[in-house]
N, C-alpha and C. Protein backbone atom coordinates (compact mmCIF):
# COMPACT_ATOMS: atom_id res chain seq x y z
N UNK A 1 -4.71 3.74 15.01
CA UNK A 1 -3.40 3.87 15.62
C UNK A 1 -2.51 4.85 14.70
N UNK A 2 -2.64 4.70 13.40
CA UNK A 2 -1.79 5.58 12.53
C UNK A 2 -2.34 7.03 12.71
N UNK A 3 -3.58 7.26 12.83
CA UNK A 3 -4.05 8.64 13.03
C UNK A 3 -3.56 9.18 14.30
N UNK A 4 -3.63 8.49 15.41
CA UNK A 4 -3.13 8.92 16.70
C UNK A 4 -1.64 9.27 16.61
N UNK A 5 -0.87 8.34 16.04
CA UNK A 5 0.59 8.59 15.98
C UNK A 5 0.91 9.68 15.03
N UNK A 6 0.12 9.91 13.99
CA UNK A 6 0.42 10.97 13.04
C UNK A 6 0.28 12.32 13.72
N UNK A 7 -0.69 12.49 14.51
CA UNK A 7 -0.86 13.76 15.25
C UNK A 7 0.27 13.96 16.37
N UNK A 8 0.61 12.93 17.02
CA UNK A 8 1.48 13.04 18.14
C UNK A 8 2.93 13.32 17.84
N UNK A 9 3.42 13.15 16.61
CA UNK A 9 4.81 13.34 16.25
C UNK A 9 5.16 14.82 16.34
N UNK A 10 4.22 15.73 16.37
CA UNK A 10 4.61 17.19 16.48
C UNK A 10 4.24 17.74 17.87
N UNK A 11 3.78 16.95 18.82
CA UNK A 11 3.38 17.35 20.11
C UNK A 11 4.65 17.28 21.00
N UNK A 12 4.94 18.43 21.62
CA UNK A 12 6.17 18.37 22.55
C UNK A 12 5.90 17.44 23.81
N UNK A 13 6.94 16.81 24.25
CA UNK A 13 6.93 16.11 25.50
C UNK A 13 6.11 14.83 25.43
N UNK A 14 5.67 14.37 24.32
CA UNK A 14 4.95 13.04 24.27
C UNK A 14 5.94 11.94 24.58
N UNK A 15 7.16 12.17 23.99
CA UNK A 15 8.24 11.19 24.32
C UNK A 15 9.38 12.13 24.69
N UNK A 16 9.55 12.30 26.07
CA UNK A 16 10.49 13.31 26.61
C UNK A 16 11.98 13.19 26.08
N UNK A 17 12.39 12.02 25.68
CA UNK A 17 13.82 11.90 25.15
C UNK A 17 13.94 12.16 23.69
N UNK A 18 12.84 12.45 23.08
CA UNK A 18 12.88 12.67 21.54
C UNK A 18 12.20 14.05 21.26
N UNK A 19 12.84 14.90 20.58
CA UNK A 19 12.18 16.21 20.25
C UNK A 19 11.16 16.00 19.22
N UNK A 20 10.08 16.83 19.34
CA UNK A 20 9.03 16.72 18.33
C UNK A 20 9.48 17.21 17.03
N UNK A 21 8.86 16.70 15.97
CA UNK A 21 9.12 17.18 14.68
C UNK A 21 8.67 18.57 14.49
N UNK A 22 9.40 19.33 13.64
CA UNK A 22 8.97 20.75 13.44
C UNK A 22 7.81 20.87 12.44
N UNK A 23 7.71 19.85 11.61
CA UNK A 23 6.69 19.91 10.57
C UNK A 23 6.16 18.48 10.44
N UNK A 24 4.89 18.40 10.38
CA UNK A 24 4.18 17.07 10.31
C UNK A 24 4.48 16.49 8.90
N UNK A 25 4.97 15.19 8.92
CA UNK A 25 5.24 14.55 7.68
C UNK A 25 3.90 14.07 7.02
N UNK A 26 4.06 13.64 5.80
CA UNK A 26 2.95 13.03 5.04
C UNK A 26 2.88 11.57 5.52
N UNK A 27 1.67 11.16 5.93
CA UNK A 27 1.37 9.77 6.25
C UNK A 27 0.40 9.28 5.22
N UNK A 28 0.52 8.06 4.80
CA UNK A 28 -0.46 7.43 3.83
C UNK A 28 -0.82 6.11 4.27
N UNK A 29 -2.10 5.77 3.87
CA UNK A 29 -2.58 4.42 4.10
C UNK A 29 -2.40 3.62 2.91
N UNK A 30 -2.21 2.31 2.97
CA UNK A 30 -2.06 1.39 1.92
C UNK A 30 -3.42 0.67 1.84
N UNK A 31 -3.77 0.37 0.65
CA UNK A 31 -5.19 -0.25 0.41
C UNK A 31 -5.25 -1.65 1.12
N UNK A 32 -6.29 -1.81 1.86
CA UNK A 32 -6.55 -3.05 2.55
C UNK A 32 -7.85 -3.69 2.28
N UNK A 33 -8.69 -3.00 1.52
CA UNK A 33 -10.06 -3.46 1.17
C UNK A 33 -11.07 -3.51 2.23
N UNK A 34 -10.74 -2.99 3.38
CA UNK A 34 -11.76 -2.87 4.51
C UNK A 34 -12.67 -1.65 4.06
N UNK A 35 -13.96 -1.78 4.35
CA UNK A 35 -14.90 -0.75 4.00
C UNK A 35 -15.43 0.04 5.15
N UNK A 36 -15.26 -0.45 6.42
CA UNK A 36 -15.81 0.22 7.57
C UNK A 36 -14.78 0.54 8.50
N UNK A 37 -14.81 1.72 9.08
CA UNK A 37 -15.86 2.75 9.04
C UNK A 37 -15.70 3.61 7.78
N UNK A 38 -14.52 3.60 7.16
CA UNK A 38 -14.40 4.35 5.93
C UNK A 38 -13.76 3.65 4.82
N UNK A 39 -14.35 3.57 3.63
CA UNK A 39 -13.76 2.89 2.57
C UNK A 39 -12.49 3.57 2.12
N UNK A 40 -11.58 2.85 1.56
CA UNK A 40 -10.31 3.38 0.99
C UNK A 40 -10.55 4.28 -0.11
N UNK A 41 -9.95 5.47 -0.14
CA UNK A 41 -10.01 6.38 -1.27
C UNK A 41 -8.62 6.75 -1.67
N UNK A 42 -8.25 6.17 -2.81
CA UNK A 42 -6.80 6.36 -3.33
C UNK A 42 -6.55 7.78 -3.76
N UNK A 43 -5.57 8.39 -3.20
CA UNK A 43 -5.20 9.75 -3.67
C UNK A 43 -4.16 9.63 -4.79
N UNK A 44 -3.35 8.55 -4.81
CA UNK A 44 -2.44 8.29 -5.85
C UNK A 44 -2.27 6.79 -6.05
N UNK A 45 -2.01 6.35 -7.24
CA UNK A 45 -1.75 4.96 -7.57
C UNK A 45 -0.54 4.90 -8.42
N UNK A 46 0.21 3.78 -8.10
CA UNK A 46 1.58 3.61 -8.80
C UNK A 46 1.52 2.32 -9.63
N UNK A 47 1.91 2.42 -10.88
CA UNK A 47 2.03 1.22 -11.68
C UNK A 47 3.19 0.34 -11.22
N UNK A 48 2.91 -0.92 -10.81
CA UNK A 48 3.92 -1.78 -10.40
C UNK A 48 3.97 -3.09 -11.27
N UNK A 49 3.39 -2.95 -12.48
CA UNK A 49 3.26 -4.05 -13.40
C UNK A 49 4.66 -4.64 -13.64
N UNK A 50 5.61 -3.75 -13.99
CA UNK A 50 6.94 -4.23 -14.40
C UNK A 50 7.84 -4.81 -13.21
N UNK A 51 7.33 -4.43 -11.99
CA UNK A 51 8.14 -4.91 -10.74
C UNK A 51 7.34 -5.95 -9.94
N UNK A 52 6.26 -6.44 -10.46
CA UNK A 52 5.42 -7.35 -9.80
C UNK A 52 6.16 -8.53 -9.20
N UNK A 53 7.04 -9.25 -10.05
CA UNK A 53 7.75 -10.33 -9.61
C UNK A 53 8.71 -10.03 -8.50
N UNK A 54 9.29 -8.85 -8.50
CA UNK A 54 10.14 -8.44 -7.40
C UNK A 54 9.37 -8.26 -6.08
N UNK A 55 8.17 -7.73 -6.24
CA UNK A 55 7.29 -7.54 -5.05
C UNK A 55 6.94 -8.92 -4.51
N UNK A 56 6.69 -9.88 -5.38
CA UNK A 56 6.29 -11.28 -4.85
C UNK A 56 7.55 -11.87 -4.20
N UNK A 57 8.74 -11.60 -4.71
CA UNK A 57 9.99 -12.07 -4.08
C UNK A 57 10.11 -11.47 -2.68
N UNK A 58 9.77 -10.22 -2.49
CA UNK A 58 9.88 -9.61 -1.22
C UNK A 58 8.84 -10.14 -0.27
N UNK A 59 7.60 -10.35 -0.74
CA UNK A 59 6.68 -10.97 0.11
C UNK A 59 7.00 -12.41 0.54
N UNK A 60 7.59 -13.17 -0.48
CA UNK A 60 8.05 -14.52 -0.24
C UNK A 60 9.07 -14.65 0.83
N UNK A 61 9.84 -13.57 1.11
CA UNK A 61 10.90 -13.58 2.07
C UNK A 61 10.28 -13.55 3.51
N UNK A 62 8.94 -13.20 3.63
CA UNK A 62 8.34 -13.16 4.97
C UNK A 62 7.48 -14.42 5.15
N UNK A 63 8.23 -15.53 5.30
CA UNK A 63 7.66 -16.86 5.36
C UNK A 63 6.54 -16.97 6.38
N UNK A 64 6.88 -16.59 7.65
CA UNK A 64 5.88 -16.77 8.70
C UNK A 64 4.55 -15.92 8.45
N UNK A 65 4.73 -14.80 7.88
CA UNK A 65 3.54 -13.92 7.64
C UNK A 65 2.71 -14.44 6.46
N UNK A 66 3.43 -14.72 5.29
CA UNK A 66 2.72 -15.02 4.03
C UNK A 66 2.26 -16.47 4.01
N UNK A 67 2.90 -17.33 4.70
CA UNK A 67 2.60 -18.81 4.44
C UNK A 67 2.08 -19.43 5.74
N UNK A 68 2.11 -18.71 6.88
CA UNK A 68 1.63 -19.26 8.16
C UNK A 68 0.49 -18.48 8.73
N UNK A 69 0.81 -17.35 9.35
CA UNK A 69 -0.30 -16.75 10.12
C UNK A 69 -1.31 -16.06 9.25
N UNK A 70 -1.01 -15.35 8.12
CA UNK A 70 -2.07 -14.79 7.27
C UNK A 70 -2.98 -15.87 6.74
N UNK A 71 -2.44 -16.92 6.19
CA UNK A 71 -3.37 -18.03 5.71
C UNK A 71 -4.17 -18.63 6.89
N UNK A 72 -3.46 -18.78 8.06
CA UNK A 72 -4.23 -19.31 9.23
C UNK A 72 -5.42 -18.45 9.50
N UNK A 73 -5.24 -17.15 9.62
CA UNK A 73 -6.31 -16.28 9.96
C UNK A 73 -7.33 -16.23 8.87
N UNK A 74 -6.99 -16.34 7.61
CA UNK A 74 -7.91 -16.36 6.56
C UNK A 74 -8.67 -17.73 6.31
N UNK A 75 -8.17 -18.76 7.02
CA UNK A 75 -8.77 -20.09 6.96
C UNK A 75 -8.28 -20.81 5.70
N UNK A 76 -7.13 -20.43 5.14
CA UNK A 76 -6.62 -21.00 3.93
C UNK A 76 -5.30 -21.73 4.09
N UNK A 77 -4.90 -21.98 5.35
CA UNK A 77 -3.64 -22.65 5.60
C UNK A 77 -3.51 -23.95 4.81
N UNK A 78 -4.59 -24.69 4.68
CA UNK A 78 -4.50 -25.92 4.01
C UNK A 78 -4.26 -25.77 2.50
N UNK A 79 -4.31 -24.58 2.00
CA UNK A 79 -4.11 -24.27 0.52
C UNK A 79 -2.69 -23.93 0.20
N UNK A 80 -1.85 -23.73 1.21
CA UNK A 80 -0.49 -23.31 1.05
C UNK A 80 0.40 -24.51 0.62
N UNK A 81 1.00 -24.55 -0.55
CA UNK A 81 1.82 -25.57 -1.03
C UNK A 81 3.08 -25.75 -0.06
N UNK A 82 3.51 -26.95 0.06
CA UNK A 82 4.80 -27.20 0.87
C UNK A 82 6.02 -26.88 0.04
N UNK A 83 6.01 -27.18 -1.22
CA UNK A 83 7.26 -26.85 -2.06
C UNK A 83 7.45 -25.47 -2.20
N UNK A 84 8.66 -24.97 -1.89
CA UNK A 84 8.95 -23.47 -1.98
C UNK A 84 8.64 -22.84 -3.29
N UNK A 85 8.92 -23.49 -4.41
CA UNK A 85 8.63 -22.84 -5.72
C UNK A 85 7.15 -22.82 -6.00
N UNK A 86 6.40 -23.87 -5.60
CA UNK A 86 4.98 -23.90 -5.68
C UNK A 86 4.29 -22.82 -4.78
N UNK A 87 4.95 -22.72 -3.64
CA UNK A 87 4.45 -21.75 -2.62
C UNK A 87 4.54 -20.36 -3.10
N UNK A 88 5.70 -20.02 -3.78
CA UNK A 88 5.87 -18.67 -4.24
C UNK A 88 4.83 -18.42 -5.39
N UNK A 89 4.70 -19.41 -6.31
CA UNK A 89 3.71 -19.29 -7.32
C UNK A 89 2.32 -18.98 -6.74
N UNK A 90 1.97 -19.80 -5.83
CA UNK A 90 0.67 -19.61 -5.16
C UNK A 90 0.47 -18.20 -4.60
N UNK A 91 1.58 -17.69 -3.97
CA UNK A 91 1.55 -16.37 -3.35
C UNK A 91 1.30 -15.35 -4.45
N UNK A 92 2.02 -15.43 -5.59
CA UNK A 92 1.84 -14.44 -6.63
C UNK A 92 0.45 -14.43 -7.23
N UNK A 93 -0.16 -15.62 -7.16
CA UNK A 93 -1.54 -15.72 -7.69
C UNK A 93 -2.53 -15.26 -6.70
N UNK A 94 -2.33 -15.39 -5.51
CA UNK A 94 -3.39 -15.07 -4.41
C UNK A 94 -3.29 -13.65 -4.00
N UNK A 95 -2.20 -12.92 -4.30
CA UNK A 95 -2.05 -11.51 -3.95
C UNK A 95 -2.31 -10.67 -5.09
N UNK A 96 -2.62 -9.47 -4.89
CA UNK A 96 -2.77 -8.51 -5.97
C UNK A 96 -3.87 -8.79 -6.95
N UNK A 97 -5.04 -9.01 -6.47
CA UNK A 97 -6.17 -9.25 -7.20
C UNK A 97 -6.54 -8.06 -8.21
N UNK A 98 -7.64 -8.10 -8.78
CA UNK A 98 -8.01 -7.01 -9.76
C UNK A 98 -8.01 -5.70 -9.10
N UNK A 99 -7.82 -4.67 -9.97
CA UNK A 99 -7.80 -3.32 -9.52
C UNK A 99 -9.23 -2.75 -9.35
N UNK A 100 -9.47 -2.14 -8.28
CA UNK A 100 -10.85 -1.62 -8.04
C UNK A 100 -11.12 -0.43 -8.94
N UNK A 101 -12.36 -0.13 -9.08
CA UNK A 101 -12.72 1.10 -9.92
C UNK A 101 -12.06 2.35 -9.40
N UNK A 102 -11.99 2.52 -8.07
CA UNK A 102 -11.39 3.67 -7.51
C UNK A 102 -9.88 3.77 -7.81
N UNK A 103 -9.13 2.60 -7.73
CA UNK A 103 -7.80 2.65 -8.14
C UNK A 103 -7.57 2.88 -9.67
N UNK A 104 -8.46 2.26 -10.44
CA UNK A 104 -8.44 2.57 -11.89
C UNK A 104 -8.58 4.08 -12.14
N UNK A 105 -9.51 4.70 -11.47
CA UNK A 105 -9.74 6.16 -11.63
C UNK A 105 -8.46 6.96 -11.18
N UNK A 106 -7.80 6.55 -10.18
CA UNK A 106 -6.54 7.13 -9.72
C UNK A 106 -5.46 6.98 -10.79
N UNK A 107 -5.37 5.80 -11.41
CA UNK A 107 -4.45 5.55 -12.41
C UNK A 107 -4.62 6.46 -13.63
N UNK A 108 -5.89 6.65 -14.00
CA UNK A 108 -6.30 7.49 -15.10
C UNK A 108 -5.78 8.92 -14.80
N UNK A 109 -6.09 9.34 -13.56
CA UNK A 109 -5.74 10.69 -13.11
C UNK A 109 -4.14 10.95 -13.26
N UNK A 110 -3.41 9.97 -12.77
CA UNK A 110 -1.91 10.15 -12.80
C UNK A 110 -1.21 9.76 -13.98
N UNK A 111 -1.73 8.86 -14.78
CA UNK A 111 -1.05 8.30 -15.97
C UNK A 111 -1.72 8.68 -17.28
N UNK A 112 -2.93 9.12 -17.24
CA UNK A 112 -3.76 9.29 -18.41
C UNK A 112 -4.46 8.00 -18.83
N UNK A 113 -5.57 8.12 -19.58
CA UNK A 113 -6.49 7.04 -19.87
C UNK A 113 -5.81 5.98 -20.74
N UNK A 114 -4.97 6.30 -21.65
CA UNK A 114 -4.35 5.33 -22.56
C UNK A 114 -3.26 4.46 -21.80
N UNK A 115 -2.54 5.16 -21.00
CA UNK A 115 -1.48 4.38 -20.23
C UNK A 115 -2.17 3.52 -19.10
N UNK A 116 -3.21 4.12 -18.44
CA UNK A 116 -3.89 3.46 -17.37
C UNK A 116 -4.54 2.09 -17.88
N UNK A 117 -4.98 2.05 -19.04
CA UNK A 117 -5.60 0.83 -19.66
C UNK A 117 -4.61 -0.27 -19.69
N UNK A 118 -3.34 0.04 -19.87
CA UNK A 118 -2.25 -1.00 -19.95
C UNK A 118 -1.83 -1.53 -18.64
N UNK A 119 -2.09 -0.83 -17.51
CA UNK A 119 -1.62 -1.14 -16.20
C UNK A 119 -2.35 -2.33 -15.65
N UNK A 120 -1.58 -3.38 -15.31
CA UNK A 120 -2.20 -4.63 -14.76
C UNK A 120 -2.09 -4.72 -13.24
N UNK A 121 -1.09 -4.06 -12.68
CA UNK A 121 -0.85 -4.17 -11.25
C UNK A 121 -0.57 -2.77 -10.75
N UNK A 122 -1.06 -2.46 -9.56
CA UNK A 122 -0.79 -1.16 -9.02
C UNK A 122 -0.89 -1.18 -7.51
N UNK A 123 -0.21 -0.22 -6.91
CA UNK A 123 -0.33 0.02 -5.43
C UNK A 123 -0.94 1.43 -5.32
N UNK A 124 -1.90 1.49 -4.44
CA UNK A 124 -2.54 2.80 -4.26
C UNK A 124 -2.37 3.29 -2.81
N UNK A 125 -2.40 4.56 -2.61
CA UNK A 125 -2.20 5.18 -1.33
C UNK A 125 -3.23 6.28 -1.04
N UNK A 126 -3.66 6.40 0.17
CA UNK A 126 -4.60 7.46 0.59
C UNK A 126 -3.80 8.28 1.64
N UNK A 127 -3.91 9.65 1.47
CA UNK A 127 -3.21 10.49 2.35
C UNK A 127 -4.01 10.47 3.71
N UNK A 128 -3.28 10.36 4.84
CA UNK A 128 -3.93 10.44 6.16
C UNK A 128 -4.17 11.85 6.50
N UNK A 129 -5.37 12.20 6.86
CA UNK A 129 -5.79 13.62 7.14
C UNK A 129 -5.10 14.24 8.35
N UNK A 130 -4.47 13.39 9.21
CA UNK A 130 -3.83 13.91 10.37
C UNK A 130 -2.40 14.27 10.18
N UNK A 131 -1.87 14.02 9.01
CA UNK A 131 -0.47 14.47 8.65
C UNK A 131 -0.56 15.64 7.75
N UNK A 132 0.66 15.98 7.20
CA UNK A 132 0.55 17.04 6.13
C UNK A 132 -0.15 16.53 4.94
N UNK A 133 -0.87 17.39 4.33
CA UNK A 133 -1.66 17.05 3.17
C UNK A 133 -1.00 17.57 1.86
N UNK A 134 -0.30 16.74 1.16
CA UNK A 134 0.42 17.26 0.01
C UNK A 134 -0.52 17.58 -1.09
N UNK A 135 -0.14 18.53 -1.95
CA UNK A 135 -0.81 18.83 -3.21
C UNK A 135 -0.29 17.94 -4.34
N UNK A 136 -0.83 18.09 -5.53
CA UNK A 136 -0.37 17.24 -6.65
C UNK A 136 1.14 17.38 -6.88
N UNK A 137 1.67 18.61 -6.76
CA UNK A 137 3.10 18.83 -7.10
C UNK A 137 3.94 18.00 -6.08
N UNK A 138 3.56 17.99 -4.81
CA UNK A 138 4.40 17.33 -3.85
C UNK A 138 4.24 15.80 -4.01
N UNK A 139 2.95 15.38 -4.29
CA UNK A 139 2.86 13.95 -4.55
C UNK A 139 3.67 13.43 -5.72
N UNK A 140 3.81 14.29 -6.74
CA UNK A 140 4.64 14.04 -7.88
C UNK A 140 6.16 13.89 -7.42
N UNK A 141 6.53 14.73 -6.48
CA UNK A 141 7.85 14.64 -5.98
C UNK A 141 8.08 13.39 -5.09
N UNK A 142 7.08 13.07 -4.32
CA UNK A 142 7.19 11.87 -3.48
C UNK A 142 7.11 10.56 -4.27
N UNK A 143 6.47 10.57 -5.36
CA UNK A 143 6.30 9.39 -6.32
C UNK A 143 6.86 9.72 -7.68
N UNK A 144 8.23 9.91 -7.77
CA UNK A 144 8.80 10.32 -9.10
C UNK A 144 8.54 9.30 -10.22
N UNK A 145 8.18 8.05 -9.85
CA UNK A 145 7.97 6.99 -10.92
C UNK A 145 6.71 7.19 -11.61
N UNK A 146 5.78 8.05 -11.13
CA UNK A 146 4.51 8.40 -11.69
C UNK A 146 4.72 9.38 -12.81
N UNK A 147 4.58 8.98 -14.05
CA UNK A 147 4.87 9.88 -15.17
C UNK A 147 3.74 9.89 -16.16
């Protein structure tokens, strides 16, 4: 769906009441660990170690998604604690598992080997080939926190 939508934003008259974009934007995929039909290939990875607790707070705000339907689909609904504090702790432990070798490699590319070794949590993104394909300089502008 993302690929179809990415292409269509520059096509005239797809949505008659909305003008098409003059330039295709950058679209990115977020890592989901699915391998078929194409494994995730991170083009950039961002260190989120220092903001991990804030991310868990944001996820925690989505009660029905994080504590109801995602666990139901995964068959882990019985593991979700009833107490809100315990539930948040469970969420933080169950999300953001280990970094894959591909994400580690992206961290080394963008942060250098020494800094990448210290990174415990990261978010990685893959550029969708149907949108604009940014080079390294544009990726650095889009992700100014990567230093």
